[in-house]
Amino acid sequence: MREIFLATTLITGVLLIWSVRMALATTEFLILFWLFTSIVLVLGRAAGHSVLYFARSRGRNLRNIIVVGEGKDVTALAERIEKETSLGYRVVRIINTEEV
C-alpha cells in the first residue's frame, strides 16, 4: 500500500512540475487526481487479493513446492504451509535431510 501512495505522489509531483505548461493542471485538479488515483489503485489491489484468496482457498491457482530441511522443523513448516491455503502453495514432497 505504501508503494501505491509513493507512486501516485511521485506522478502528481511530476504533473505539478509540468503544470506550468498545462492549463488543466490546477492545484485542485492535482489534489483530486492524487486522491482518486490512490483510492482506485488501493481498491483494485484489495479486489485482486480477494479474488486470489477465494480461488486459492478452493484449490485453484496453486504452486507446487518441495520443502527441504531437517528434523521436526521441515515437517512443521510443511504442515503450516498446507494449512494456510490462501498462500497459494501445495506441498508436493517433504525432503528431510536427517533421514538421507
PDB file of N, CA and C in Angstrom:
ATOM      1  N   MET A   1       0.834  -1.180   0.000  1.00  0.00           N
ATOM      2  CA  MET A   1       0.000   0.000   0.000  1.00  0.00           C
ATOM      3  C   MET A   1       0.883   1.249   0.000  1.00  0.00           C
ATOM      4  N   ARG A   2       1.994   1.178   0.705  1.00  0.00           N
ATOM      5  CA  ARG A   2       2.907   2.304   0.740  1.00  0.00           C
ATOM      6  C   ARG A   2       3.432   2.630  -0.659  1.00  0.00           C
ATOM      7  N   GLU A   3       3.658   1.564  -1.460  1.00  0.00           N
ATOM      8  CA  GLU A   3       4.161   1.760  -2.812  1.00  0.00           C
ATOM      9  C   GLU A   3       3.154   2.503  -3.688  1.00  0.00           C
ATOM     10  N   ILE A   4       1.881   2.226  -3.464  1.00  0.00           N
ATOM     11  CA  ILE A   4       0.841   2.905  -4.239  1.00  0.00           C
ATOM     12  C   ILE A   4       0.847   4.397  -3.943  1.00  0.00           C
ATOM     13  N   PHE A   5       0.897   4.748  -2.664  1.00  0.00           N
ATOM     14  CA  PHE A   5       0.905   6.167  -2.303  1.00  0.00           C
ATOM     15  C   PHE A   5       2.187   6.862  -2.772  1.00  0.00           C
ATOM     16  N   LEU A   6       3.295   6.147  -2.730  1.00  0.00           N
ATOM     17  CA  LEU A   6       4.552   6.714  -3.215  1.00  0.00           C
ATOM     18  C   LEU A   6       4.477   6.972  -4.715  1.00  0.00           C
ATOM     19  N   ALA A   7       3.960   6.003  -5.467  1.00  0.00           N
ATOM     20  CA  ALA A   7       3.864   6.147  -6.919  1.00  0.00           C
ATOM     21  C   ALA A   7       2.905   7.269  -7.315  1.00  0.00           C
ATOM     22  N   THR A   8       1.735   7.323  -6.689  1.00  0.00           N
ATOM     23  CA  THR A   8       0.783   8.378  -7.056  1.00  0.00           C
ATOM     24  C   THR A   8       1.292   9.757  -6.647  1.00  0.00           C
ATOM     25  N   THR A   9       1.993   9.828  -5.534  1.00  0.00           N
ATOM     26  CA  THR A   9       2.572  11.110  -5.125  1.00  0.00           C
ATOM     27  C   THR A   9       3.660  11.550  -6.094  1.00  0.00           C
ATOM     28  N   LEU A  10       4.475  10.603  -6.537  1.00  0.00           N
ATOM     29  CA  LEU A  10       5.541  10.926  -7.490  1.00  0.00           C
ATOM     30  C   LEU A  10       4.961  11.401  -8.815  1.00  0.00           C
ATOM     31  N   ILE A  11       3.940  10.708  -9.311  1.00  0.00           N
ATOM     32  CA  ILE A  11       3.316  11.111 -10.576  1.00  0.00           C
ATOM     33  C   ILE A  11       2.649  12.471 -10.441  1.00  0.00           C
ATOM     34  N   THR A  12       1.985  12.705  -9.318  1.00  0.00           N
ATOM     35  CA  THR A  12       1.352  14.004  -9.093  1.00  0.00           C
ATOM     36  C   THR A  12       2.405  15.101  -9.003  1.00  0.00           C
ATOM     37  N   GLY A  13       3.540  14.798  -8.392  1.00  0.00           N
ATOM     38  CA  GLY A  13       4.632  15.768  -8.322  1.00  0.00           C
ATOM     39  C   GLY A  13       5.170  16.114  -9.701  1.00  0.00           C
ATOM     40  N   VAL A  14       5.299  15.116 -10.562  1.00  0.00           N
ATOM     41  CA  VAL A  14       5.751  15.364 -11.938  1.00  0.00           C
ATOM     42  C   VAL A  14       4.739  16.225 -12.667  1.00  0.00           C
ATOM     43  N   LEU A  15       3.453  15.926 -12.484  1.00  0.00           N
ATOM     44  CA  LEU A  15       2.418  16.752 -13.109  1.00  0.00           C
ATOM     45  C   LEU A  15       2.441  18.177 -12.566  1.00  0.00           C
ATOM     46  N   LEU A  16       2.774  18.318 -11.294  1.00  0.00           N
ATOM     47  CA  LEU A  16       2.867  19.652 -10.694  1.00  0.00           C
ATOM     48  C   LEU A  16       3.996  20.450 -11.338  1.00  0.00           C
ATOM     49  N   ILE A  17       5.108  19.794 -11.592  1.00  0.00           N
ATOM     50  CA  ILE A  17       6.240  20.465 -12.246  1.00  0.00           C
ATOM     51  C   ILE A  17       5.873  20.851 -13.674  1.00  0.00           C
ATOM     52  N   TRP A  18       5.171  19.965 -14.378  1.00  0.00           N
ATOM     53  CA  TRP A  18       4.773  20.240 -15.748  1.00  0.00           C
ATOM     54  C   TRP A  18       3.531  21.122 -15.838  1.00  0.00           C
ATOM     55  N   SER A  19       2.920  21.445 -14.728  1.00  0.00           N
ATOM     56  CA  SER A  19       1.666  22.200 -14.760  1.00  0.00           C
ATOM     57  C   SER A  19       1.843  23.615 -15.288  1.00  0.00           C
ATOM     58  N   VAL A  20       3.068  24.077 -15.349  1.00  0.00           N
ATOM     59  CA  VAL A  20       3.317  25.397 -15.925  1.00  0.00           C
ATOM     60  C   VAL A  20       2.881  25.412 -17.383  1.00  0.00           C
ATOM     61  N   ARG A  21       3.053  24.297 -18.069  1.00  0.00           N
ATOM     62  CA  ARG A  21       2.708  24.200 -19.489  1.00  0.00           C
ATOM     63  C   ARG A  21       1.252  23.786 -19.713  1.00  0.00           C
ATOM     64  N   MET A  22       0.604  23.203 -18.699  1.00  0.00           N
ATOM     65  CA  MET A  22      -0.759  22.700 -18.874  1.00  0.00           C
ATOM     66  C   MET A  22      -1.740  23.577 -18.104  1.00  0.00           C
ATOM     67  N   ALA A  23      -2.740  24.066 -18.800  1.00  0.00           N
ATOM     68  CA  ALA A  23      -3.736  24.914 -18.148  1.00  0.00           C
ATOM     69  C   ALA A  23      -4.696  24.082 -17.296  1.00  0.00           C
ATOM     70  N   LEU A  24      -4.847  22.802 -17.618  1.00  0.00           N
ATOM     71  CA  LEU A  24      -5.782  21.938 -16.904  1.00  0.00           C
ATOM     72  C   LEU A  24      -5.278  21.578 -15.506  1.00  0.00           C
ATOM     73  N   ALA A  25      -3.982  21.519 -15.320  1.00  0.00           N
ATOM     74  CA  ALA A  25      -3.400  21.024 -14.068  1.00  0.00           C
ATOM     75  C   ALA A  25      -3.371  22.107 -12.991  1.00  0.00           C
ATOM     76  N   THR A  26      -4.536  22.413 -12.460  1.00  0.00           N
ATOM     77  CA  THR A  26      -4.610  23.352 -11.344  1.00  0.00           C
ATOM     78  C   THR A  26      -4.325  22.597 -10.054  1.00  0.00           C
ATOM     79  N   THR A  27      -4.188  23.313  -8.966  1.00  0.00           N
ATOM     80  CA  THR A  27      -3.922  22.682  -7.677  1.00  0.00           C
ATOM     81  C   THR A  27      -5.071  21.768  -7.269  1.00  0.00           C
ATOM     82  N   GLU A  28      -6.303  22.210  -7.485  1.00  0.00           N
ATOM     83  CA  GLU A  28      -7.465  21.396  -7.149  1.00  0.00           C
ATOM     84  C   GLU A  28      -7.489  20.117  -7.974  1.00  0.00           C
ATOM     85  N   PHE A  29      -7.180  20.249  -9.269  1.00  0.00           N
ATOM     86  CA  PHE A  29      -7.142  19.079 -10.138  1.00  0.00           C
ATOM     87  C   PHE A  29      -6.101  18.083  -9.661  1.00  0.00           C
ATOM     88  N   LEU A  30      -4.918  18.550  -9.316  1.00  0.00           N
ATOM     89  CA  LEU A  30      -3.849  17.650  -8.878  1.00  0.00           C
ATOM     90  C   LEU A  30      -4.196  16.954  -7.563  1.00  0.00           C
ATOM     91  N   ILE A  31      -4.842  17.660  -6.652  1.00  0.00           N
ATOM     92  CA  ILE A  31      -5.256  17.045  -5.385  1.00  0.00           C
ATOM     93  C   ILE A  31      -6.304  15.966  -5.654  1.00  0.00           C
ATOM     94  N   LEU A  32      -7.294  16.269  -6.489  1.00  0.00           N
ATOM     95  CA  LEU A  32      -8.319  15.279  -6.834  1.00  0.00           C
ATOM     96  C   LEU A  32      -7.729  14.105  -7.610  1.00  0.00           C
ATOM     97  N   PHE A  33      -6.783  14.413  -8.500  1.00  0.00           N
ATOM     98  CA  PHE A  33      -6.114  13.356  -9.255  1.00  0.00           C
ATOM     99  C   PHE A  33      -5.390  12.403  -8.313  1.00  0.00           C
ATOM    100  N   TRP A  34      -4.635  12.947  -7.372  1.00  0.00           N
ATOM    101  CA  TRP A  34      -3.897  12.120  -6.424  1.00  0.00           C
ATOM    102  C   TRP A  34      -4.848  11.273  -5.581  1.00  0.00           C
ATOM    103  N   LEU A  35      -5.888  11.910  -5.078  1.00  0.00           N
ATOM    104  CA  LEU A  35      -6.846  11.207  -4.215  1.00  0.00           C
ATOM    105  C   LEU A  35      -7.575  10.103  -4.980  1.00  0.00           C
ATOM    106  N   PHE A  36      -8.095  10.423  -6.140  1.00  0.00           N
ATOM    107  CA  PHE A  36      -8.842   9.449  -6.939  1.00  0.00           C
ATOM    108  C   PHE A  36      -7.958   8.289  -7.377  1.00  0.00           C
ATOM    109  N   THR A  37      -6.757   8.592  -7.859  1.00  0.00           N
ATOM    110  CA  THR A  37      -5.837   7.553  -8.311  1.00  0.00           C
ATOM    111  C   THR A  37      -5.442   6.635  -7.163  1.00  0.00           C
ATOM    112  N   SER A  38      -5.153   7.206  -6.010  1.00  0.00           N
ATOM    113  CA  SER A  38      -4.774   6.394  -4.847  1.00  0.00           C
ATOM    114  C   SER A  38      -5.907   5.468  -4.429  1.00  0.00           C
ATOM    115  N   ILE A  39      -7.108   5.994  -4.364  1.00  0.00           N
ATOM    116  CA  ILE A  39      -8.261   5.189  -3.936  1.00  0.00           C
ATOM    117  C   ILE A  39      -8.534   4.067  -4.933  1.00  0.00           C
ATOM    118  N   VAL A  40      -8.517   4.377  -6.221  1.00  0.00           N
ATOM    119  CA  VAL A  40      -8.790   3.359  -7.239  1.00  0.00           C
ATOM    120  C   VAL A  40      -7.733   2.258  -7.202  1.00  0.00           C
ATOM    121  N   LEU A  41      -6.469   2.616  -7.056  1.00  0.00           N
ATOM    122  CA  LEU A  41      -5.417   1.610  -7.021  1.00  0.00           C
ATOM    123  C   LEU A  41      -5.481   0.746  -5.761  1.00  0.00           C
ATOM    124  N   VAL A  42      -5.770   1.341  -4.622  1.00  0.00           N
ATOM    125  CA  VAL A  42      -5.885   0.567  -3.377  1.00  0.00           C
ATOM    126  C   VAL A  42      -7.078  -0.384  -3.455  1.00  0.00           C
ATOM    127  N   LEU A  43      -8.210   0.093  -3.940  1.00  0.00           N
ATOM    128  CA  LEU A  43      -9.383  -0.774  -4.064  1.00  0.00           C
ATOM    129  C   LEU A  43      -9.160  -1.886  -5.086  1.00  0.00           C
ATOM    130  N   GLY A  44      -8.479  -1.575  -6.164  1.00  0.00           N
ATOM    131  CA  GLY A  44      -8.159  -2.591  -7.171  1.00  0.00           C
ATOM    132  C   GLY A  44      -7.246  -3.676  -6.619  1.00  0.00           C
ATOM    133  N   ARG A  45      -6.274  -3.257  -5.845  1.00  0.00           N
ATOM    134  CA  ARG A  45      -5.361  -4.227  -5.229  1.00  0.00           C
ATOM    135  C   ARG A  45      -6.102  -5.106  -4.220  1.00  0.00           C
ATOM    136  N   ALA A  46      -6.959  -4.499  -3.421  1.00  0.00           N
ATOM    137  CA  ALA A  46      -7.744  -5.265  -2.445  1.00  0.00           C
ATOM    138  C   ALA A  46      -8.665  -6.260  -3.149  1.00  0.00           C
ATOM    139  N   ALA A  47      -9.273  -5.848  -4.249  1.00  0.00           N
ATOM    140  CA  ALA A  47     -10.147  -6.748  -5.003  1.00  0.00           C
ATOM    141  C   ALA A  47      -9.343  -7.910  -5.583  1.00  0.00           C
ATOM    142  N   GLY A  48      -8.170  -7.631  -6.081  1.00  0.00           N
ATOM    143  CA  GLY A  48      -7.312  -8.693  -6.613  1.00  0.00           C
ATOM    144  C   GLY A  48      -6.919  -9.695  -5.549  1.00  0.00           C
ATOM    145  N   HIS A  49      -6.572  -9.199  -4.368  1.00  0.00           N
ATOM    146  CA  HIS A  49      -6.222 -10.090  -3.262  1.00  0.00           C
ATOM    147  C   HIS A  49      -7.422 -10.943  -2.843  1.00  0.00           C
ATOM    148  N   SER A  50      -8.603 -10.357  -2.860  1.00  0.00           N
ATOM    149  CA  SER A  50      -9.808 -11.108  -2.501  1.00  0.00           C
ATOM    150  C   SER A  50     -10.093 -12.218  -3.505  1.00  0.00           C
ATOM    151  N   VAL A  51      -9.927 -11.911  -4.784  1.00  0.00           N
ATOM    152  CA  VAL A  51     -10.152 -12.920  -5.820  1.00  0.00           C
ATOM    153  C   VAL A  51      -9.144 -14.059  -5.676  1.00  0.00           C
ATOM    154  N   LEU A  52      -7.872 -13.724  -5.444  1.00  0.00           N
ATOM    155  CA  LEU A  52      -6.853 -14.757  -5.262  1.00  0.00           C
ATOM    156  C   LEU A  52      -7.128 -15.598  -4.020  1.00  0.00           C
ATOM    157  N   TYR A  53      -7.525 -14.958  -2.935  1.00  0.00           N
ATOM    158  CA  TYR A  53      -7.845 -15.691  -1.711  1.00  0.00           C
ATOM    159  C   TYR A  53      -8.988 -16.668  -1.959  1.00  0.00           C
ATOM    160  N   PHE A  54     -10.031 -16.205  -2.641  1.00  0.00           N
ATOM    161  CA  PHE A  54     -11.181 -17.043  -2.950  1.00  0.00           C
ATOM    162  C   PHE A  54     -10.769 -18.232  -3.812  1.00  0.00           C
ATOM    163  N   ALA A  55      -9.985 -17.987  -4.864  1.00  0.00           N
ATOM    164  CA  ALA A  55      -9.572 -19.061  -5.775  1.00  0.00           C
ATOM    165  C   ALA A  55      -8.656 -20.056  -5.081  1.00  0.00           C
ATOM    166  N   ARG A  56      -7.691 -19.560  -4.324  1.00  0.00           N
ATOM    167  CA  ARG A  56      -6.727 -20.450  -3.676  1.00  0.00           C
ATOM    168  C   ARG A  56      -7.357 -21.272  -2.561  1.00  0.00           C
ATOM    169  N   SER A  57      -8.335 -20.726  -1.884  1.00  0.00           N
ATOM    170  CA  SER A  57      -8.988 -21.487  -0.822  1.00  0.00           C
ATOM    171  C   SER A  57      -9.841 -22.619  -1.392  1.00  0.00           C
ATOM    172  N   ARG A  58     -10.106 -22.585  -2.699  1.00  0.00           N
ATOM    173  CA  ARG A  58     -10.856 -23.646  -3.358  1.00  0.00           C
ATOM    174  C   ARG A  58      -9.978 -24.514  -4.249  1.00  0.00           C
ATOM    175  N   GLY A  59      -8.650 -24.414  -4.073  1.00  0.00           N
ATOM    176  CA  GLY A  59      -7.730 -25.302  -4.778  1.00  0.00           C
ATOM    177  C   GLY A  59      -7.296 -24.836  -6.153  1.00  0.00           C
ATOM    178  N   ARG A  60      -7.568 -23.628  -6.516  1.00  0.00           N
ATOM    179  CA  ARG A  60      -7.168 -23.078  -7.822  1.00  0.00           C
ATOM    180  C   ARG A  60      -5.941 -22.183  -7.663  1.00  0.00           C
ATOM    181  N   ASN A  61      -5.222 -21.984  -8.767  1.00  0.00           N
ATOM    182  CA  ASN A  61      -4.076 -21.071  -8.807  1.00  0.00           C
ATOM    183  C   ASN A  61      -3.036 -21.404  -7.726  1.00  0.00           C
ATOM    184  N   LEU A  62      -2.713 -22.692  -7.601  1.00  0.00           N
ATOM    185  CA  LEU A  62      -1.745 -23.124  -6.597  1.00  0.00           C
ATOM    186  C   LEU A  62      -0.395 -23.406  -7.252  1.00  0.00           C
ATOM    187  N   ARG A  63       0.669 -23.260  -6.507  1.00  0.00           N
ATOM    188  CA  ARG A  63       2.028 -23.571  -6.944  1.00  0.00           C
ATOM    189  C   ARG A  63       2.512 -24.781  -6.168  1.00  0.00           C
ATOM    190  N   ASN A  64       3.072 -25.751  -6.882  1.00  0.00           N
ATOM    191  CA  ASN A  64       3.613 -26.936  -6.249  1.00  0.00           C
ATOM    192  C   ASN A  64       5.005 -26.636  -5.703  1.00  0.00           C
ATOM    193  N   ILE A  65       5.271 -27.043  -4.453  1.00  0.00           N
ATOM    194  CA  ILE A  65       6.580 -26.807  -3.852  1.00  0.00           C
ATOM    195  C   ILE A  65       7.085 -28.070  -3.173  1.00  0.00           C
ATOM    196  N   ILE A  66       8.397 -28.119  -3.001  1.00  0.00           N
ATOM    197  CA  ILE A  66       9.061 -29.167  -2.242  1.00  0.00           C
ATOM    198  C   ILE A  66       9.728 -28.488  -1.059  1.00  0.00           C
ATOM    199  N   VAL A  67       9.484 -29.010   0.138  1.00  0.00           N
ATOM    200  CA  VAL A  67      10.058 -28.434   1.351  1.00  0.00           C
ATOM    201  C   VAL A  67      11.278 -29.274   1.733  1.00  0.00           C
ATOM    202  N   VAL A  68      12.430 -28.614   1.874  1.00  0.00           N
ATOM    203  CA  VAL A  68      13.674 -29.291   2.217  1.00  0.00           C
ATOM    204  C   VAL A  68      14.172 -28.750   3.548  1.00  0.00           C
ATOM    205  N   GLY A  69      14.543 -29.656   4.453  1.00  0.00           N
ATOM    206  CA  GLY A  69      15.057 -29.255   5.752  1.00  0.00           C
ATOM    207  C   GLY A  69      15.421 -30.475   6.563  1.00  0.00           C
ATOM    208  N   GLU A  70      15.618 -30.276   7.866  1.00  0.00           N
ATOM    209  CA  GLU A  70      15.953 -31.423   8.691  1.00  0.00           C
ATOM    210  C   GLU A  70      15.196 -31.397  10.006  1.00  0.00           C
ATOM    211  N   GLY A  71      14.902 -32.574  10.474  1.00  0.00           N
ATOM    212  CA  GLY A  71      14.244 -32.712  11.761  1.00  0.00           C
ATOM    213  C   GLY A  71      12.761 -32.406  11.720  1.00  0.00           C
ATOM    214  N   LYS A  72      12.271 -32.051  12.883  1.00  0.00           N
ATOM    215  CA  LYS A  72      10.846 -31.755  13.029  1.00  0.00           C
ATOM    216  C   LYS A  72      10.470 -30.443  12.348  1.00  0.00           C
ATOM    217  N   ASP A  73      11.467 -29.569  12.167  1.00  0.00           N
ATOM    218  CA  ASP A  73      11.193 -28.253  11.586  1.00  0.00           C
ATOM    219  C   ASP A  73      10.608 -28.347  10.185  1.00  0.00           C
ATOM    220  N   VAL A  74      11.150 -29.254   9.373  1.00  0.00           N
ATOM    221  CA  VAL A  74      10.679 -29.360   7.996  1.00  0.00           C
ATOM    222  C   VAL A  74       9.230 -29.855   7.958  1.00  0.00           C
ATOM    223  N   THR A  75       8.889 -30.774   8.826  1.00  0.00           N
ATOM    224  CA  THR A  75       7.515 -31.277   8.877  1.00  0.00           C
ATOM    225  C   THR A  75       6.558 -30.195   9.376  1.00  0.00           C
ATOM    226  N   ALA A  76       6.982 -29.476  10.396  1.00  0.00           N
ATOM    227  CA  ALA A  76       6.137 -28.402  10.930  1.00  0.00           C
ATOM    228  C   ALA A  76       5.909 -27.318   9.886  1.00  0.00           C
ATOM    229  N   LEU A  77       6.958 -26.976   9.136  1.00  0.00           N
ATOM    230  CA  LEU A  77       6.824 -25.960   8.096  1.00  0.00           C
ATOM    231  C   LEU A  77       5.869 -26.429   7.001  1.00  0.00           C
ATOM    232  N   ALA A  78       6.015 -27.675   6.584  1.00  0.00           N
ATOM    233  CA  ALA A  78       5.136 -28.210   5.543  1.00  0.00           C
ATOM    234  C   ALA A  78       3.678 -28.228   6.005  1.00  0.00           C
ATOM    235  N   GLU A  79       3.452 -28.604   7.246  1.00  0.00           N
ATOM    236  CA  GLU A  79       2.079 -28.607   7.773  1.00  0.00           C
ATOM    237  C   GLU A  79       1.507 -27.197   7.833  1.00  0.00           C
ATOM    238  N   ARG A  80       2.347 -26.254   8.214  1.00  0.00           N
ATOM    239  CA  ARG A  80       1.888 -24.857   8.283  1.00  0.00           C
ATOM    240  C   ARG A  80       1.526 -24.322   6.905  1.00  0.00           C
ATOM    241  N   ILE A  81       2.337 -24.663   5.914  1.00  0.00           N
ATOM    242  CA  ILE A  81       2.062 -24.228   4.538  1.00  0.00           C
ATOM    243  C   ILE A  81       0.777 -24.873   4.029  1.00  0.00           C
ATOM    244  N   GLU A  82       0.609 -26.158   4.276  1.00  0.00           N
ATOM    245  CA  GLU A  82      -0.600 -26.866   3.838  1.00  0.00           C
ATOM    246  C   GLU A  82      -1.858 -26.307   4.499  1.00  0.00           C
ATOM    247  N   LYS A  83      -1.739 -25.935   5.765  1.00  0.00           N
ATOM    248  CA  LYS A  83      -2.897 -25.426   6.500  1.00  0.00           C
ATOM    249  C   LYS A  83      -3.337 -24.057   5.989  1.00  0.00           C
ATOM    250  N   GLU A  84      -2.407 -23.230   5.571  1.00  0.00           N
ATOM    251  CA  GLU A  84      -2.711 -21.873   5.101  1.00  0.00           C
ATOM    252  C   GLU A  84      -2.904 -21.901   3.581  1.00  0.00           C
ATOM    253  N   THR A  85      -4.081 -22.310   3.135  1.00  0.00           N
ATOM    254  CA  THR A  85      -4.342 -22.488   1.710  1.00  0.00           C
ATOM    255  C   THR A  85      -4.345 -21.175   0.928  1.00  0.00           C
ATOM    256  N   SER A  86      -4.600 -20.074   1.591  1.00  0.00           N
ATOM    257  CA  SER A  86      -4.676 -18.794   0.882  1.00  0.00           C
ATOM    258  C   SER A  86      -3.313 -18.320   0.384  1.00  0.00           C
ATOM    259  N   LEU A  87      -2.226 -18.935   0.838  1.00  0.00           N
ATOM    260  CA  LEU A  87      -0.898 -18.558   0.350  1.00  0.00           C
ATOM    261  C   LEU A  87      -0.673 -18.991  -1.094  1.00  0.00           C
ATOM    262  N   GLY A  88      -1.376 -20.045  -1.507  1.00  0.00           N
ATOM    263  CA  GLY A  88      -1.273 -20.490  -2.890  1.00  0.00           C
ATOM    264  C   GLY A  88      -0.209 -21.546  -3.128  1.00  0.00           C
ATOM    265  N   TYR A  89       0.186 -22.288  -2.092  1.00  0.00           N
ATOM    266  CA  TYR A  89       1.204 -23.326  -2.231  1.00  0.00           C
ATOM    267  C   TYR A  89       0.620 -24.687  -1.909  1.00  0.00           C
ATOM    268  N   ARG A  90       1.069 -25.687  -2.653  1.00  0.00           N
ATOM    269  CA  ARG A  90       0.709 -27.080  -2.398  1.00  0.00           C
ATOM    270  C   ARG A  90       2.014 -27.840  -2.194  1.00  0.00           C
ATOM    271  N   VAL A  91       2.158 -28.467  -1.026  1.00  0.00           N
ATOM    272  CA  VAL A  91       3.371 -29.224  -0.731  1.00  0.00           C
ATOM    273  C   VAL A  91       3.279 -30.560  -1.451  1.00  0.00           C
ATOM    274  N   VAL A  92       4.199 -30.773  -2.389  1.00  0.00           N
ATOM    275  CA  VAL A  92       4.223 -31.996  -3.170  1.00  0.00           C
ATOM    276  C   VAL A  92       5.053 -33.061  -2.464  1.00  0.00           C
ATOM    277  N   ARG A  93       6.160 -32.616  -1.853  1.00  0.00           N
ATOM    278  CA  ARG A  93       7.056 -33.563  -1.207  1.00  0.00           C
ATOM    279  C   ARG A  93       7.809 -32.870  -0.087  1.00  0.00           C
ATOM    280  N   ILE A  94       8.161 -33.662   0.916  1.00  0.00           N
ATOM    281  CA  ILE A  94       8.987 -33.178   2.009  1.00  0.00           C
ATOM    282  C   ILE A  94      10.290 -33.968   1.978  1.00  0.00           C
ATOM    283  N   ILE A  95      11.411 -33.277   1.901  1.00  0.00           N
ATOM    284  CA  ILE A  95      12.709 -33.940   1.922  1.00  0.00           C
ATOM    285  C   ILE A  95      13.366 -33.597   3.253  1.00  0.00           C
ATOM    286  N   ASN A  96      13.508 -34.620   4.083  1.00  0.00           N
ATOM    287  CA  ASN A  96      14.137 -34.466   5.392  1.00  0.00           C
ATOM    288  C   ASN A  96      15.584 -34.923   5.267  1.00  0.00           C
ATOM    289  N   THR A  97      16.526 -33.996   5.385  1.00  0.00           N
ATOM    290  CA  THR A  97      17.944 -34.327   5.187  1.00  0.00           C
ATOM    291  C   THR A  97      18.519 -35.152   6.332  1.00  0.00           C
ATOM    292  N   GLU A  98      17.852 -35.240   7.465  1.00  0.00           N
ATOM    293  CA  GLU A  98      18.309 -36.082   8.559  1.00  0.00           C
ATOM    294  C   GLU A  98      18.165 -37.565   8.190  1.00  0.00           C
ATOM    295  N   GLU A  99      17.140 -37.889   7.419  1.00  0.00           N
ATOM    296  CA  GLU A  99      16.870 -39.273   7.061  1.00  0.00           C
ATOM    297  C   GLU A  99      17.747 -39.759   5.928  1.00  0.00           C
ATOM    298  N   VAL A 100      18.345 -38.859   5.167  1.00  0.00           N
ATOM    299  CA  VAL A 100      19.136 -39.230   3.986  1.00  0.00           C
ATOM    300  C   VAL A 100      20.491 -39.736   4.373  1.00  0.00           C
TER     301      VAL A 100
END
